[in-house]
Amino acid sequence: MTPFALIFLALAMSTDAFAAAIGKGSALHKPRFLEALRTGLIFGVIEAITPLIGWAIGRAASVWVADWDHWIAFTLLIGLGLHMIYNGLKDDGEEEQERSSQHSLFILAVTAVATSIDALAVGVGLAFVDVNILIASAAIGLATLVMVTIGVMLGRVLGTMVGKRAEIVGGVVLMIVGGTILFEHLTA
């Protein structure tokens, strides 16, 4: 996987967390930078761990699927991309809630796990391509930390609409990365 593909993958993995962070920021009353950074750290750490878990699962299964591993990575990334686009297009029907100055650690962790399920699946796909999983996980975690921190700070101003668009863009990027992986394996 090229460095550019890795950067795009990291950014794509962080877009659903970015969308959630905008929602979290819009629900807070005047979020401060330290709260945004706290939220970013929680999301970033969880988002960095899940591809490692997925990679371990994929490595365990790689013996049986070595001849068609690129198709697995392609299918997972296309499926995840389509799912992110779908989530970006659907109407959540969010209810107005009372604003606080901070979200609970439990709520943030649950949200971070929910938005990192795709990173787990990407980790499975990465087990079948030539990539340093530690670098990939660190890049995903760092991108998520930055994007979530920015998302929380922007949330109050921008609301959820921009977050939804970010998730759509992330889904398209995942599909492009999947297509690139397939193309590289079929033309090698």
Protein backbone atom coordinates (compact mmCIF):
# COMPACT_ATOMS: atom_id res chain seq x y z
CA MET A 1 0.00 0.00 0.00
CA THR A 2 1.41 3.36 -1.03
CA PRO A 3 1.88 6.17 1.52
CA PHE A 4 -0.83 8.19 -0.24
CA ALA A 5 -3.28 5.29 -0.05
CA LEU A 6 -2.45 4.93 3.64
CA ILE A 7 -3.11 8.63 4.26
CA PHE A 8 -6.42 8.45 2.39
CA LEU A 9 -7.35 5.30 4.30
CA ALA A 10 -6.59 6.98 7.64
CA LEU A 11 -8.64 10.03 6.70
CA ALA A 12 -11.51 7.88 5.43
CA MET A 13 -11.52 5.88 8.66
CA SER A 14 -11.73 9.09 10.67
CA THR A 15 -14.69 10.61 8.79
CA ASP A 16 -17.40 8.66 10.60
CA ALA A 17 -15.81 9.63 13.92
CA PHE A 18 -15.61 13.22 12.62
CA ALA A 19 -19.32 13.13 11.82
CA ALA A 20 -20.07 11.80 15.31
CA ALA A 21 -17.80 14.45 16.84
CA ILE A 22 -19.68 17.23 15.08
CA GLY A 23 -22.86 15.81 16.57
CA LYS A 24 -21.23 15.57 19.99
CA GLY A 25 -19.92 19.14 19.69
CA SER A 26 -23.31 20.46 18.65
CA ALA A 27 -24.86 18.79 21.71
CA LEU A 28 -22.39 20.46 24.10
CA HIS A 29 -22.74 23.95 25.49
CA LYS A 30 -19.65 25.88 24.34
CA PRO A 31 -17.19 22.95 24.14
CA ARG A 32 -13.68 23.87 25.25
CA PHE A 33 -10.50 22.69 23.55
CA LEU A 34 -9.59 20.32 26.43
CA GLU A 35 -12.98 18.59 26.12
CA ALA A 36 -12.50 18.32 22.36
CA LEU A 37 -8.99 16.91 22.86
CA ARG A 38 -10.26 14.43 25.48
CA THR A 39 -12.91 13.26 23.06
CA GLY A 40 -10.33 13.04 20.26
CA LEU A 41 -7.98 10.96 22.40
CA ILE A 42 -10.71 8.49 23.34
CA PHE A 43 -11.82 8.09 19.73
CA GLY A 44 -8.24 8.00 18.41
CA VAL A 45 -7.06 5.27 20.78
CA ILE A 46 -10.07 3.06 20.10
CA GLU A 47 -9.86 3.70 16.36
CA ALA A 48 -6.15 2.71 16.43
CA ILE A 49 -6.77 -0.52 18.35
CA THR A 50 -9.61 -1.92 16.23
CA PRO A 51 -7.61 -2.35 12.98
CA LEU A 52 -5.01 -4.29 14.97
CA ILE A 53 -7.71 -6.66 16.19
CA GLY A 54 -9.12 -7.02 12.68
CA TRP A 55 -5.63 -7.56 11.25
CA ALA A 56 -5.00 -10.38 13.76
CA ILE A 57 -8.28 -12.01 12.76
CA GLY A 58 -7.44 -11.62 9.07
CA ARG A 59 -3.93 -13.02 9.53
CA ALA A 60 -5.34 -16.10 11.25
CA ALA A 61 -7.60 -16.67 8.24
CA SER A 62 -5.03 -15.74 5.57
CA VAL A 63 -3.76 -19.29 5.14
CA TRP A 64 -7.11 -20.35 3.70
CA VAL A 65 -7.73 -17.35 1.47
CA ALA A 66 -4.30 -16.36 0.12
CA ASP A 67 -5.34 -16.73 -3.55
CA TRP A 68 -8.26 -14.30 -3.34
CA ASP A 69 -7.21 -11.97 -0.51
CA HIS A 70 -7.34 -8.87 -2.74
CA TRP A 71 -10.98 -9.62 -3.54
CA ILE A 72 -11.74 -9.82 0.20
CA ALA A 73 -10.07 -6.45 0.86
CA PHE A 74 -11.88 -4.96 -2.16
CA THR A 75 -15.28 -6.33 -1.09
CA LEU A 76 -14.87 -5.19 2.53
CA LEU A 77 -13.82 -1.67 1.53
CA ILE A 78 -16.57 -1.33 -1.08
CA GLY A 79 -19.16 -2.60 1.40
CA LEU A 80 -17.95 -0.28 4.14
CA GLY A 81 -17.82 2.64 1.73
CA LEU A 82 -21.40 2.01 0.62
CA HIS A 83 -22.49 1.69 4.26
CA MET A 84 -20.84 5.01 5.14
CA ILE A 85 -22.50 6.69 2.16
CA TYR A 86 -25.85 5.23 3.20
CA ASN A 87 -25.38 6.50 6.78
CA GLY A 88 -24.41 9.91 5.41
CA LEU A 89 -27.56 10.10 3.31
CA LYS A 90 -30.13 8.81 5.82
CA ASP A 91 -32.06 11.12 8.11
CA ASP A 92 -31.35 10.43 11.77
CA GLY A 93 -34.31 12.44 13.02
CA GLU A 94 -32.22 13.75 15.88
CA GLU A 95 -34.13 15.04 18.86
CA GLU A 96 -33.18 18.28 20.57
CA GLN A 97 -31.48 17.48 23.85
CA GLU A 98 -30.30 19.51 26.78
CA ARG A 99 -26.74 20.74 26.31
CA SER A 100 -24.01 19.97 28.84
CA SER A 101 -20.38 21.01 28.94
CA GLN A 102 -18.96 17.47 28.81
CA HIS A 103 -19.96 13.97 27.65
CA SER A 104 -19.46 11.01 29.97
CA LEU A 105 -16.47 8.74 29.35
CA PHE A 106 -18.80 5.76 28.92
CA ILE A 107 -20.91 7.47 26.25
CA LEU A 108 -17.80 8.62 24.39
CA ALA A 109 -16.24 5.14 24.52
CA VAL A 110 -19.42 3.46 23.28
CA THR A 111 -19.69 5.98 20.44
CA ALA A 112 -16.02 5.50 19.58
CA VAL A 113 -16.43 1.72 19.46
CA ALA A 114 -19.52 2.07 17.28
CA THR A 115 -17.69 4.32 14.81
CA SER A 116 -14.62 2.07 14.77
CA ILE A 117 -16.34 -1.14 13.66
CA ASP A 118 -15.42 -0.23 10.09
CA ALA A 119 -11.77 0.09 11.16
CA LEU A 120 -11.98 -3.46 12.51
CA ALA A 121 -13.21 -4.68 9.13
CA VAL A 122 -10.53 -2.64 7.36
CA GLY A 123 -7.97 -4.30 9.64
CA VAL A 124 -9.19 -7.68 8.40
CA GLY A 125 -8.73 -6.47 4.83
CA LEU A 126 -5.27 -5.07 5.59
CA ALA A 127 -4.14 -8.53 6.68
CA PHE A 128 -4.28 -9.51 3.00
CA VAL A 129 -2.23 -6.64 1.56
CA ASP A 130 1.36 -5.52 1.98
CA VAL A 131 1.11 -2.93 4.77
CA ASN A 132 2.77 -2.34 8.12
CA ILE A 133 -0.24 -2.65 10.40
CA LEU A 134 1.38 -0.68 13.23
CA ILE A 135 1.95 2.30 10.96
CA ALA A 136 -1.54 1.96 9.47
CA SER A 137 -3.15 1.76 12.93
CA ALA A 138 -1.12 4.71 14.19
CA ALA A 139 -2.09 6.75 11.12
CA ILE A 140 -5.78 5.88 11.59
CA GLY A 141 -5.61 6.73 15.29
CA LEU A 142 -3.78 10.03 14.70
CA ALA A 143 -6.13 11.08 11.91
CA THR A 144 -9.10 10.25 14.14
CA LEU A 145 -7.64 12.19 17.08
CA VAL A 146 -7.20 15.28 14.92
CA MET A 147 -10.51 14.98 13.07
CA VAL A 148 -12.56 14.36 16.22
CA THR A 149 -10.91 17.23 18.08
CA ILE A 150 -11.67 19.55 15.18
CA GLY A 151 -15.17 18.06 14.82
CA VAL A 152 -16.12 18.74 18.43
CA MET A 153 -14.92 22.33 18.17
CA LEU A 154 -16.76 22.86 14.89
CA GLY A 155 -19.88 21.01 16.01
CA ARG A 156 -21.56 23.86 17.78
CA VAL A 157 -21.13 26.10 14.77
CA LEU A 158 -21.67 23.69 11.88
CA GLY A 159 -24.20 21.23 13.23
CA THR A 160 -24.74 17.73 11.90
CA MET A 161 -25.14 18.50 8.19
CA VAL A 162 -21.41 18.87 7.49
CA GLY A 163 -20.75 15.69 9.47
CA LYS A 164 -23.06 13.73 7.22
CA ARG A 165 -21.29 15.03 4.13
CA ALA A 166 -17.93 14.06 5.63
CA GLU A 167 -19.18 10.51 6.09
CA ILE A 168 -20.25 10.36 2.43
CA VAL A 169 -16.81 11.58 1.31
CA GLY A 170 -15.17 9.00 3.60
CA GLY A 171 -17.26 6.24 2.04
CA VAL A 172 -16.25 7.29 -1.47
CA VAL A 173 -12.58 7.36 -0.43
CA LEU A 174 -12.85 3.84 1.03
CA MET A 175 -14.31 2.60 -2.24
CA ILE A 176 -11.44 4.22 -4.16
CA VAL A 177 -8.87 2.59 -1.86
CA GLY A 178 -10.61 -0.78 -2.37
CA GLY A 179 -10.55 -0.32 -6.13
CA THR A 180 -6.87 0.64 -6.00
CA ILE A 181 -5.99 -2.49 -4.01
CA LEU A 182 -7.84 -4.69 -6.49
CA PHE A 183 -6.23 -2.93 -9.47
CA GLU A 184 -2.72 -3.28 -7.98
CA HIS A 185 -3.19 -7.03 -7.38
CA LEU A 186 -4.77 -7.76 -10.77
CA THR A 187 -2.10 -5.85 -12.70
CA ALA A 188 0.91 -7.09 -10.69
